[in-house]
Amino acid sequence: MRAIDVVRRVAPRARPAYLDAFEHGDALLARHGITTPLRLAHFLAQVLHETGGLAIAWESMSYSAGRLQEVFGIGRHSAAVTAAEAEALAHHPEQIAERVYGLGNPRKARELGNTESGDGFRYRGGGIMQTTGRANYRRMGQKCGVDLEANPELVCSAAHALKPALAEWSEGNLNAAADRDDIHTITRRINGGYNGLADRQAWYRRVRPLIDQVDLVPSELPAAPAPSAPKPGPQPVPPGKPRSRRSGRIGLWAAAGAALAGAAHWLGAHWLEIAAGLAFAAAIIFAIRHFASSGASRRKGSPQ
């Protein structure tokens, strides 16, 4: 079964952009080694949990006062939000994000690489694996060849949603953990702890029975490199090539005859006139043989 088929079965509220990402994501899954039932089941269990069944694009920061204390309160999170703060911040998403992820929580801001006012909200959890923090957007973007730091909205787009999620998966060497069926290690490396472990396990129990094998659409796989053209070998010598030497001999005898004739004229030597005549005769003989052999070669190669 293809990943997109599993997603359609278990996530009826999945966002269209995420569905499109999985529809055209077989090549990416193959590139990151998610080609076995265990690996695909564990990957899907994590992203289905992180996105509430692939229905969430961005982490909702619109917490009630009570929920703020449960998640980010004293003894629960480095933000240590007090009861009084929770009442003031409740249902103010940007202020909450800045308080718990941004400069309002220096320890967490350093951890996430949030350095400017507004970074807490701008780089809140986003996308299929809920990438969080400026530094993580930058790092995942560099791994994917997409400038997510300058354009954080791309983390939720159909064209790029799978890329940072798979980059994080590979960075954590999570295929090895999936091969061991070790959801605890996978959860810890993705979450930093075990938040939502029971829900992740529940998603895994839903998807695993659906995957008896991982099918990949050939058109979505990377194209095999075209075979390189063979290097040209030594070229055969064209027929009749040796005739050039015979032509050279004709020229040589003709030149010799001309030279001897000229010398005989200036020196008045009768024997030189005889030598010149012999040279010219030799040139004529070679010329006759040359043209005779050329005609024979053409007749031999002509079509019947």
C-alpha atoms as a PDB file:
ATOM      1  CA  MET A   1       0.000   0.000   0.000  1.00  0.00           C
ATOM      2  CA  ARG A   2       1.181   3.527  -0.765  1.00  0.00           C
ATOM      3  CA  ALA A   3       1.599   6.062   2.033  1.00  0.00           C
ATOM      4  CA  ILE A   4      -1.105   8.271   0.528  1.00  0.00           C
ATOM      5  CA  ASP A   5      -3.568   5.356   0.586  1.00  0.00           C
ATOM      6  CA  VAL A   6      -2.940   4.820   4.301  1.00  0.00           C
ATOM      7  CA  VAL A   7      -3.344   8.533   4.989  1.00  0.00           C
ATOM      8  CA  ARG A   8      -6.666   8.652   3.156  1.00  0.00           C
ATOM      9  CA  ARG A   9      -7.910   5.672   5.187  1.00  0.00           C
ATOM     10  CA  VAL A  10      -7.045   7.008   8.630  1.00  0.00           C
ATOM     11  CA  ALA A  11      -7.033  10.807   8.260  1.00  0.00           C
ATOM     12  CA  PRO A  12     -10.309  11.982   6.695  1.00  0.00           C
ATOM     13  CA  ARG A  13      -9.680  15.583   7.818  1.00  0.00           C
ATOM     14  CA  ALA A  14      -6.173  15.801   6.346  1.00  0.00           C
ATOM     15  CA  ARG A  15      -5.292  19.164   4.826  1.00  0.00           C
ATOM     16  CA  PRO A  16      -5.272  19.250   1.005  1.00  0.00           C
ATOM     17  CA  ALA A  17      -1.656  20.448   0.956  1.00  0.00           C
ATOM     18  CA  TYR A  18      -0.563  17.465   3.058  1.00  0.00           C
ATOM     19  CA  LEU A  19      -2.530  15.046   0.873  1.00  0.00           C
ATOM     20  CA  ASP A  20      -0.845  16.506  -2.187  1.00  0.00           C
ATOM     21  CA  ALA A  21       2.557  16.192  -0.517  1.00  0.00           C
ATOM     22  CA  PHE A  22       1.989  12.465   0.117  1.00  0.00           C
ATOM     23  CA  GLU A  23       0.450  11.918  -3.311  1.00  0.00           C
ATOM     24  CA  HIS A  24       3.697  13.094  -4.899  1.00  0.00           C
ATOM     25  CA  GLY A  25       6.008  12.020  -2.096  1.00  0.00           C
ATOM     26  CA  ASP A  26       7.038   8.472  -2.992  1.00  0.00           C
ATOM     27  CA  ALA A  27      10.410   9.604  -4.334  1.00  0.00           C
ATOM     28  CA  LEU A  28      11.173  11.459  -1.095  1.00  0.00           C
ATOM     29  CA  LEU A  29      10.097   8.506   1.045  1.00  0.00           C
ATOM     30  CA  ALA A  30      12.329   6.207  -0.993  1.00  0.00           C
ATOM     31  CA  ARG A  31      15.253   8.640  -0.771  1.00  0.00           C
ATOM     32  CA  HIS A  32      15.000   8.596   3.026  1.00  0.00           C
ATOM     33  CA  GLY A  33      14.724   4.810   3.171  1.00  0.00           C
ATOM     34  CA  ILE A  34      11.093   4.601   4.268  1.00  0.00           C
ATOM     35  CA  THR A  35      10.488   1.498   2.204  1.00  0.00           C
ATOM     36  CA  THR A  36       9.400  -1.127   4.748  1.00  0.00           C
ATOM     37  CA  PRO A  37       6.094  -1.548   6.609  1.00  0.00           C
ATOM     38  CA  LEU A  38       7.681  -0.863  10.011  1.00  0.00           C
ATOM     39  CA  ARG A  39       9.397   2.321   8.865  1.00  0.00           C
ATOM     40  CA  LEU A  40       6.333   3.729   7.151  1.00  0.00           C
ATOM     41  CA  ALA A  41       4.038   2.833  10.046  1.00  0.00           C
ATOM     42  CA  HIS A  42       6.277   4.544  12.610  1.00  0.00           C
ATOM     43  CA  PHE A  43       6.797   7.631  10.440  1.00  0.00           C
ATOM     44  CA  LEU A  44       3.065   8.015   9.876  1.00  0.00           C
ATOM     45  CA  ALA A  45       2.260   7.452  13.553  1.00  0.00           C
ATOM     46  CA  GLN A  46       4.504  10.358  14.517  1.00  0.00           C
ATOM     47  CA  VAL A  47       3.262  12.835  11.916  1.00  0.00           C
ATOM     48  CA  LEU A  48      -0.374  11.891  12.479  1.00  0.00           C
ATOM     49  CA  HIS A  49       0.063  12.654  16.163  1.00  0.00           C
ATOM     50  CA  GLU A  50       1.977  15.896  15.602  1.00  0.00           C
ATOM     51  CA  THR A  51      -0.699  17.247  13.256  1.00  0.00           C
ATOM     52  CA  GLY A  52      -3.873  15.838  14.796  1.00  0.00           C
ATOM     53  CA  GLY A  53      -4.464  13.516  11.866  1.00  0.00           C
ATOM     54  CA  LEU A  54      -2.713  15.822   9.383  1.00  0.00           C
ATOM     55  CA  ALA A  55      -5.332  18.507  10.054  1.00  0.00           C
ATOM     56  CA  ILE A  56      -3.040  21.057  11.745  1.00  0.00           C
ATOM     57  CA  ALA A  57      -0.716  23.376   9.860  1.00  0.00           C
ATOM     58  CA  TRP A  58       0.507  25.532  12.762  1.00  0.00           C
ATOM     59  CA  GLU A  59       0.720  24.973  16.477  1.00  0.00           C
ATOM     60  CA  SER A  60      -2.244  26.700  18.050  1.00  0.00           C
ATOM     61  CA  MET A  61      -1.010  29.099  20.689  1.00  0.00           C
ATOM     62  CA  SER A  62      -4.517  30.166  21.744  1.00  0.00           C
ATOM     63  CA  TYR A  63      -4.402  28.489  25.148  1.00  0.00           C
ATOM     64  CA  SER A  64      -6.857  28.973  27.949  1.00  0.00           C
ATOM     65  CA  ALA A  65      -5.440  29.989  31.318  1.00  0.00           C
ATOM     66  CA  GLY A  66      -5.848  26.499  32.711  1.00  0.00           C
ATOM     67  CA  ARG A  67      -4.249  24.810  29.722  1.00  0.00           C
ATOM     68  CA  LEU A  68      -1.367  27.288  29.779  1.00  0.00           C
ATOM     69  CA  GLN A  69      -0.507  26.216  33.299  1.00  0.00           C
ATOM     70  CA  GLU A  70      -0.842  22.534  32.431  1.00  0.00           C
ATOM     71  CA  VAL A  71       1.598  22.767  29.533  1.00  0.00           C
ATOM     72  CA  PHE A  72       3.880  25.701  30.368  1.00  0.00           C
ATOM     73  CA  GLY A  73       3.362  26.159  34.099  1.00  0.00           C
ATOM     74  CA  ILE A  74       5.812  26.016  36.982  1.00  0.00           C
ATOM     75  CA  GLY A  75       7.465  22.592  37.222  1.00  0.00           C
ATOM     76  CA  ARG A  76       6.156  21.610  33.787  1.00  0.00           C
ATOM     77  CA  HIS A  77       8.127  23.797  31.369  1.00  0.00           C
ATOM     78  CA  SER A  78      11.110  26.139  31.366  1.00  0.00           C
ATOM     79  CA  ALA A  79       8.680  29.042  30.791  1.00  0.00           C
ATOM     80  CA  ALA A  80       7.256  28.467  34.313  1.00  0.00           C
ATOM     81  CA  VAL A  81       4.112  30.502  33.592  1.00  0.00           C
ATOM     82  CA  THR A  82       2.412  31.597  36.804  1.00  0.00           C
ATOM     83  CA  ALA A  83      -1.330  31.580  37.437  1.00  0.00           C
ATOM     84  CA  ALA A  84      -1.462  35.372  37.189  1.00  0.00           C
ATOM     85  CA  GLU A  85       0.439  35.358  33.875  1.00  0.00           C
ATOM     86  CA  ALA A  86      -1.810  32.641  32.512  1.00  0.00           C
ATOM     87  CA  GLU A  87      -4.904  34.748  33.169  1.00  0.00           C
ATOM     88  CA  ALA A  88      -3.362  37.742  31.386  1.00  0.00           C
ATOM     89  CA  LEU A  89      -2.016  35.754  28.419  1.00  0.00           C
ATOM     90  CA  ALA A  90      -4.997  33.461  27.811  1.00  0.00           C
ATOM     91  CA  HIS A  91      -6.146  33.395  24.158  1.00  0.00           C
ATOM     92  CA  HIS A  92      -3.442  35.837  22.978  1.00  0.00           C
ATOM     93  CA  PRO A  93      -1.471  33.522  20.652  1.00  0.00           C
ATOM     94  CA  GLU A  94       1.393  35.844  19.695  1.00  0.00           C
ATOM     95  CA  GLN A  95       2.010  36.934  23.284  1.00  0.00           C
ATOM     96  CA  ILE A  96       1.903  33.347  24.524  1.00  0.00           C
ATOM     97  CA  ALA A  97       4.368  32.208  21.833  1.00  0.00           C
ATOM     98  CA  GLU A  98       6.761  35.014  22.696  1.00  0.00           C
ATOM     99  CA  ARG A  99       6.508  34.210  26.405  1.00  0.00           C
ATOM    100  CA  VAL A 100       7.141  30.469  26.118  1.00  0.00           C
ATOM    101  CA  TYR A 101       9.308  30.162  22.960  1.00  0.00           C
ATOM    102  CA  GLY A 102      10.669  33.651  22.406  1.00  0.00           C
ATOM    103  CA  LEU A 103      12.566  36.290  24.304  1.00  0.00           C
ATOM    104  CA  GLY A 104      10.128  35.992  27.220  1.00  0.00           C
ATOM    105  CA  ASN A 105      11.799  32.651  27.996  1.00  0.00           C
ATOM    106  CA  PRO A 106      15.558  33.212  27.455  1.00  0.00           C
ATOM    107  CA  ARG A 107      16.506  29.605  28.140  1.00  0.00           C
ATOM    108  CA  LYS A 108      14.103  28.206  25.553  1.00  0.00           C
ATOM    109  CA  ALA A 109      14.874  31.010  23.089  1.00  0.00           C
ATOM    110  CA  ARG A 110      18.570  30.066  23.146  1.00  0.00           C
ATOM    111  CA  GLU A 111      17.689  26.399  22.664  1.00  0.00           C
ATOM    112  CA  LEU A 112      15.465  27.177  19.659  1.00  0.00           C
ATOM    113  CA  GLY A 113      17.693  29.873  18.172  1.00  0.00           C
ATOM    114  CA  ASN A 114      15.018  32.550  18.521  1.00  0.00           C
ATOM    115  CA  THR A 115      16.924  35.832  18.624  1.00  0.00           C
ATOM    116  CA  GLU A 116      14.472  38.554  17.634  1.00  0.00           C
ATOM    117  CA  SER A 117      11.208  39.827  19.018  1.00  0.00           C
ATOM    118  CA  GLY A 118       8.370  37.901  17.379  1.00  0.00           C
ATOM    119  CA  ASP A 119      10.451  34.797  16.646  1.00  0.00           C
ATOM    120  CA  GLY A 120       8.461  32.768  19.162  1.00  0.00           C
ATOM    121  CA  PHE A 121       5.296  33.081  17.106  1.00  0.00           C
ATOM    122  CA  ARG A 122       6.899  33.309  13.651  1.00  0.00           C
ATOM    123  CA  TYR A 123       8.793  30.046  14.204  1.00  0.00           C
ATOM    124  CA  ARG A 124       6.206  28.209  16.291  1.00  0.00           C
ATOM    125  CA  GLY A 125       5.479  24.563  15.495  1.00  0.00           C
ATOM    126  CA  GLY A 126       4.638  24.196  11.821  1.00  0.00           C
ATOM    127  CA  GLY A 127       4.279  21.517   9.180  1.00  0.00           C
ATOM    128  CA  ILE A 128       4.039  17.743   9.203  1.00  0.00           C
ATOM    129  CA  MET A 129       6.602  17.307  11.983  1.00  0.00           C
ATOM    130  CA  GLN A 130       5.790  20.634  13.698  1.00  0.00           C
ATOM    131  CA  THR A 131       9.259  22.136  13.205  1.00  0.00           C
ATOM    132  CA  THR A 132       9.830  24.710  15.972  1.00  0.00           C
ATOM    133  CA  GLY A 133      12.363  27.527  16.418  1.00  0.00           C
ATOM    134  CA  ARG A 134      14.344  29.744  14.050  1.00  0.00           C
ATOM    135  CA  ALA A 135      17.451  27.554  14.280  1.00  0.00           C
ATOM    136  CA  ASN A 136      15.479  24.436  13.350  1.00  0.00           C
ATOM    137  CA  TYR A 137      13.785  26.157  10.412  1.00  0.00           C
ATOM    138  CA  ARG A 138      17.219  27.255   9.226  1.00  0.00           C
ATOM    139  CA  ARG A 139      18.836  23.821   9.683  1.00  0.00           C
ATOM    140  CA  MET A 140      16.007  21.856   8.104  1.00  0.00           C
ATOM    141  CA  GLY A 141      15.824  24.351   5.268  1.00  0.00           C
ATOM    142  CA  GLN A 142      19.527  23.934   4.562  1.00  0.00           C
ATOM    143  CA  LYS A 143      19.117  20.177   4.499  1.00  0.00           C
ATOM    144  CA  CYS A 144      16.174  20.450   2.099  1.00  0.00           C
ATOM    145  CA  GLY A 145      17.500  23.209  -0.124  1.00  0.00           C
ATOM    146  CA  VAL A 146      14.562  25.460   0.834  1.00  0.00           C
ATOM    147  CA  ASP A 147      14.924  28.794   2.659  1.00  0.00           C
ATOM    148  CA  LEU A 148      12.514  28.018   5.487  1.00  0.00           C
ATOM    149  CA  GLU A 149      14.041  30.643   7.759  1.00  0.00           C
ATOM    150  CA  ALA A 150      13.072  33.457   5.368  1.00  0.00           C
ATOM    151  CA  ASN A 151       9.851  31.733   4.309  1.00  0.00           C
ATOM    152  CA  PRO A 152       8.542  29.677   7.248  1.00  0.00           C
ATOM    153  CA  GLU A 153       5.131  29.270   5.577  1.00  0.00           C
ATOM    154  CA  LEU A 154       6.711  26.854   3.073  1.00  0.00           C
ATOM    155  CA  VAL A 155       6.942  24.237   5.821  1.00  0.00           C
ATOM    156  CA  CYS A 156       3.201  23.648   5.323  1.00  0.00           C
ATOM    157  CA  SER A 157       3.148  23.792   1.528  1.00  0.00           C
ATOM    158  CA  ALA A 158       2.364  20.844  -0.728  1.00  0.00           C
ATOM    159  CA  ALA A 159       5.725  21.205  -2.496  1.00  0.00           C
ATOM    160  CA  HIS A 160       7.843  21.156   0.668  1.00  0.00           C
ATOM    161  CA  ALA A 161       5.854  19.796   3.636  1.00  0.00           C
ATOM    162  CA  LEU A 162       7.435  16.325   3.571  1.00  0.00           C
ATOM    163  CA  LYS A 163      11.007  17.567   3.160  1.00  0.00           C
ATOM    164  CA  PRO A 164      11.768  18.913   6.672  1.00  0.00           C
ATOM    165  CA  ALA A 165       9.836  16.064   8.304  1.00  0.00           C
ATOM    166  CA  LEU A 166      11.923  13.478   6.450  1.00  0.00           C
ATOM    167  CA  ALA A 167      15.129  15.433   7.018  1.00  0.00           C
ATOM    168  CA  GLU A 168      14.446  15.349  10.765  1.00  0.00           C
ATOM    169  CA  TRP A 169      13.642  11.634  10.549  1.00  0.00           C
ATOM    170  CA  SER A 170      16.920  10.852   8.803  1.00  0.00           C
ATOM    171  CA  GLU A 171      18.919  13.193  11.027  1.00  0.00           C
ATOM    172  CA  GLY A 172      17.754  11.187  14.044  1.00  0.00           C
ATOM    173  CA  ASN A 173      18.592   7.855  12.348  1.00  0.00           C
ATOM    174  CA  LEU A 174      15.010   6.840  13.054  1.00  0.00           C
ATOM    175  CA  ASN A 175      14.851   4.091  10.441  1.00  0.00           C
ATOM    176  CA  ALA A 176      17.100   2.064  12.734  1.00  0.00           C
ATOM    177  CA  ALA A 177      14.725   2.603  15.663  1.00  0.00           C
ATOM    178  CA  ALA A 178      11.739   1.738  13.465  1.00  0.00           C
ATOM    179  CA  ASP A 179      13.437  -1.498  12.403  1.00  0.00           C
ATOM    180  CA  ARG A 180      13.591  -2.381  16.132  1.00  0.00           C
ATOM    181  CA  ASP A 181       9.921  -1.370  16.501  1.00  0.00           C
ATOM    182  CA  ASP A 182      11.105   1.103  19.159  1.00  0.00           C
ATOM    183  CA  ILE A 183       8.489   3.835  19.383  1.00  0.00           C
ATOM    184  CA  HIS A 184       9.935   5.156  22.652  1.00  0.00           C
ATOM    185  CA  THR A 185      13.257   6.108  21.067  1.00  0.00           C
ATOM    186  CA  ILE A 186      11.503   7.606  18.038  1.00  0.00           C
ATOM    187  CA  THR A 187       9.224   9.702  20.236  1.00  0.00           C
ATOM    188  CA  ARG A 188      12.066  10.938  22.445  1.00  0.00           C
ATOM    189  CA  ARG A 189      14.179  12.049  19.485  1.00  0.00           C
ATOM    190  CA  ILE A 190      11.278  13.865  17.829  1.00  0.00           C
ATOM    191  CA  ASN A 191       9.638  15.334  20.907  1.00  0.00           C
ATOM    192  CA  GLY A 192      12.553  15.648  23.290  1.00  0.00           C
ATOM    193  CA  GLY A 193      10.511  13.635  25.774  1.00  0.00           C
ATOM    194  CA  TYR A 194       7.474  11.413  25.741  1.00  0.00           C
ATOM    195  CA  ASN A 195       4.662  13.927  25.332  1.00  0.00           C
ATOM    196  CA  GLY A 196       1.730  12.313  23.578  1.00  0.00           C
ATOM    197  CA  LEU A 197       3.282   8.847  23.668  1.00  0.00           C
ATOM    198  CA  ALA A 198      -0.077   7.123  24.200  1.00  0.00           C
ATOM    199  CA  ASP A 199      -1.589   8.914  21.193  1.00  0.00           C
ATOM    200  CA  ARG A 200       1.436   8.059  19.033  1.00  0.00           C
ATOM    201  CA  GLN A 201       1.059   4.421  20.031  1.00  0.00           C
ATOM    202  CA  ALA A 202      -2.640   4.535  19.192  1.00  0.00           C
ATOM    203  CA  TRP A 203      -1.889   5.891  15.705  1.00  0.00           C
ATOM    204  CA  TYR A 204       0.716   3.189  15.207  1.00  0.00           C
ATOM    205  CA  ARG A 205      -1.799   0.480  16.113  1.00  0.00           C
ATOM    206  CA  ARG A 206      -4.200   1.920  13.527  1.00  0.00           C
ATOM    207  CA  VAL A 207      -1.806   2.164  10.603  1.00  0.00           C
ATOM    208  CA  ARG A 208       0.433  -0.858  11.066  1.00  0.00           C
ATOM    209  CA  PRO A 209      -2.173  -3.511  10.100  1.00  0.00           C
ATOM    210  CA  LEU A 210      -2.887  -1.610   6.875  1.00  0.00           C
ATOM    211  CA  ILE A 211       0.678  -1.892   5.580  1.00  0.00           C
ATOM    212  CA  ASP A 212       1.752  -5.328   4.444  1.00  0.00           C
ATOM    213  CA  GLN A 213       4.193  -3.814   1.967  1.00  0.00           C
ATOM    214  CA  VAL A 214       5.233  -0.332   0.877  1.00  0.00           C
ATOM    215  CA  ASP A 215       4.217   0.419  -2.687  1.00  0.00           C
ATOM    216  CA  LEU A 216       5.934   3.236  -4.537  1.00  0.00           C
ATOM    217  CA  VAL A 217       4.624   4.703  -7.775  1.00  0.00           C
ATOM    218  CA  PRO A 218       7.397   4.425 -10.392  1.00  0.00           C
ATOM    219  CA  SER A 219       6.646   7.869 -11.835  1.00  0.00           C
ATOM    220  CA  GLU A 220       7.320   9.351  -8.418  1.00  0.00           C
ATOM    221  CA  LEU A 221      10.715   7.703  -8.062  1.00  0.00           C
ATOM    222  CA  PRO A 222      13.962   9.385  -9.098  1.00  0.00           C
ATOM    223  CA  ALA A 223      14.674   8.712 -12.753  1.00  0.00           C
ATOM    224  CA  ALA A 224      17.516   6.308 -13.418  1.00  0.00           C
ATOM    225  CA  PRO A 225      20.509   8.095 -14.922  1.00  0.00           C
ATOM    226  CA  ALA A 226      20.629   7.797 -18.684  1.00  0.00           C
ATOM    227  CA  PRO A 227      23.440   5.545 -19.904  1.00  0.00           C
ATOM    228  CA  SER A 228      26.367   7.565 -21.091  1.00  0.00           C
ATOM    229  CA  ALA A 229      27.082   7.507 -24.798  1.00  0.00           C
ATOM    230  CA  PRO A 230      29.970   5.177 -25.671  1.00  0.00           C
ATOM    231  CA  LYS A 231      33.191   6.922 -26.417  1.00  0.00           C
ATOM    232  CA  PRO A 232      34.065   6.768 -30.106  1.00  0.00           C
ATOM    233  CA  GLY A 233      36.668   4.131 -30.841  1.00  0.00           C
ATOM    234  CA  PRO A 234      39.379   4.276 -33.422  1.00  0.00           C
ATOM    235  CA  GLN A 235      37.914   5.180 -36.785  1.00  0.00           C
ATOM    236  CA  PRO A 236      38.640   2.809 -39.706  1.00  0.00           C
ATOM    237  CA  VAL A 237      40.883   4.140 -42.357  1.00  0.00           C
ATOM    238  CA  PRO A 238      38.706   5.196 -45.308  1.00  0.00           C
ATOM    239  CA  PRO A 239      39.000   2.950 -48.364  1.00  0.00           C
ATOM    240  CA  GLY A 240      41.610   4.083 -50.816  1.00  0.00           C
ATOM    241  CA  LYS A 241      43.646   5.975 -48.221  1.00  0.00           C
ATOM    242  CA  PRO A 242      46.965   4.534 -49.525  1.00  0.00           C
ATOM    243  CA  ARG A 243      46.315   6.277 -52.853  1.00  0.00           C
ATOM    244  CA  SER A 244      47.551   9.486 -51.269  1.00  0.00           C
ATOM    245  CA  ARG A 245      51.107   8.050 -51.267  1.00  0.00           C
ATOM    246  CA  ARG A 246      50.826   7.228 -54.981  1.00  0.00           C
ATOM    247  CA  SER A 247      49.638  10.751 -55.646  1.00  0.00           C
ATOM    248  CA  GLY A 248      52.657  11.989 -53.738  1.00  0.00           C
ATOM    249  CA  ARG A 249      54.969   9.963 -55.941  1.00  0.00           C
ATOM    250  CA  ILE A 250      53.454  11.514 -59.088  1.00  0.00           C
ATOM    251  CA  GLY A 251      54.147  14.968 -57.715  1.00  0.00           C
ATOM    252  CA  LEU A 252      57.669  13.980 -56.662  1.00  0.00           C
ATOM    253  CA  TRP A 253      58.638  12.652 -60.126  1.00  0.00           C
ATOM    254  CA  ALA A 254      57.041  15.633 -61.838  1.00  0.00           C
ATOM    255  CA  ALA A 255      58.960  18.028 -59.593  1.00  0.00           C
ATOM    256  CA  ALA A 256      62.203  16.134 -60.215  1.00  0.00           C
ATOM    257  CA  GLY A 257      61.652  16.295 -63.973  1.00  0.00           C
ATOM    258  CA  ALA A 258      61.028  20.031 -63.841  1.00  0.00           C
ATOM    259  CA  ALA A 259      64.162  20.574 -61.778  1.00  0.00           C
ATOM    260  CA  LEU A 260      66.347  18.508 -64.108  1.00  0.00           C
ATOM    261  CA  ALA A 261      64.944  20.227 -67.185  1.00  0.00           C
ATOM    262  CA  GLY A 262      65.699  23.616 -65.690  1.00  0.00           C
ATOM    263  CA  ALA A 263      69.255  22.552 -64.822  1.00  0.00           C
ATOM    264  CA  ALA A 264      69.813  21.197 -68.352  1.00  0.00           C
ATOM    265  CA  HIS A 265      68.684  24.501 -69.857  1.00  0.00           C
ATOM    266  CA  TRP A 266      71.092  26.592 -67.770  1.00  0.00           C
ATOM    267  CA  LEU A 267      74.037  24.208 -67.844  1.00  0.00           C
ATOM    268  CA  GLY A 268      73.574  22.957 -71.410  1.00  0.00           C
ATOM    269  CA  ALA A 269      74.085  19.356 -70.230  1.00  0.00           C
ATOM    270  CA  HIS A 270      72.528  16.853 -72.615  1.00  0.00           C
ATOM    271  CA  TRP A 271      72.512  14.068 -70.032  1.00  0.00           C
ATOM    272  CA  LEU A 272      70.389  16.206 -67.715  1.00  0.00           C
ATOM    273  CA  GLU A 273      67.793  16.564 -70.490  1.00  0.00           C
ATOM    274  CA  ILE A 274      67.693  12.750 -70.724  1.00  0.00           C
ATOM    275  CA  ALA A 275      67.266  12.467 -66.908  1.00  0.00           C
ATOM    276  CA  ALA A 276      64.459  15.037 -66.963  1.00  0.00           C
ATOM    277  CA  GLY A 277      62.670  13.075 -69.651  1.00  0.00           C
ATOM    278  CA  LEU A 278      62.921   9.883 -67.611  1.00  0.00           C
ATOM    279  CA  ALA A 279      61.505  11.686 -64.538  1.00  0.00           C
ATOM    280  CA  PHE A 280      58.552  12.997 -66.517  1.00  0.00           C
ATOM    281  CA  ALA A 281      57.951   9.516 -67.916  1.00  0.00           C
ATOM    282  CA  ALA A 282      57.905   8.050 -64.411  1.00  0.00           C
ATOM    283  CA  ALA A 283      55.366  10.710 -63.331  1.00  0.00           C
ATOM    284  CA  ILE A 284      53.115   9.825 -66.290  1.00  0.00           C
ATOM    285  CA  ILE A 285      53.320   6.084 -65.482  1.00  0.00           C
ATOM    286  CA  PHE A 286      52.337   6.648 -61.828  1.00  0.00           C
ATOM    287  CA  ALA A 287      49.500   8.940 -62.922  1.00  0.00           C
ATOM    288  CA  ILE A 288      48.087   6.280 -65.269  1.00  0.00           C
ATOM    289  CA  ARG A 289      48.235   3.593 -62.499  1.00  0.00           C
ATOM    290  CA  HIS A 290      46.655   5.985 -59.959  1.00  0.00           C
ATOM    291  CA  PHE A 291      43.599   6.824 -62.066  1.00  0.00           C
ATOM    292  CA  ALA A 292      43.166   3.211 -63.161  1.00  0.00           C
ATOM    293  CA  SER A 293      43.035   1.938 -59.543  1.00  0.00           C
ATOM    294  CA  SER A 294      40.654   4.780 -58.499  1.00  0.00           C
ATOM    295  CA  GLY A 295      38.161   3.798 -61.172  1.00  0.00           C
ATOM    296  CA  ALA A 296      38.287   0.137 -60.138  1.00  0.00           C
ATOM    297  CA  SER A 297      37.601   1.049 -56.468  1.00  0.00           C
ATOM    298  CA  ARG A 298      34.564   3.177 -57.393  1.00  0.00           C
ATOM    299  CA  ARG A 299      33.120   0.406 -59.572  1.00  0.00           C
ATOM    300  CA  LYS A 300      33.588  -2.124 -56.756  1.00  0.00           C
ATOM    301  CA  GLY A 301      31.728   0.041 -54.200  1.00  0.00           C
ATOM    302  CA  SER A 302      28.836   1.105 -56.452  1.00  0.00           C
ATOM    303  CA  PRO A 303      25.352  -0.329 -55.711  1.00  0.00           C
ATOM    304  CA  GLN A 304      24.100  -3.206 -57.878  1.00  0.00           C
END
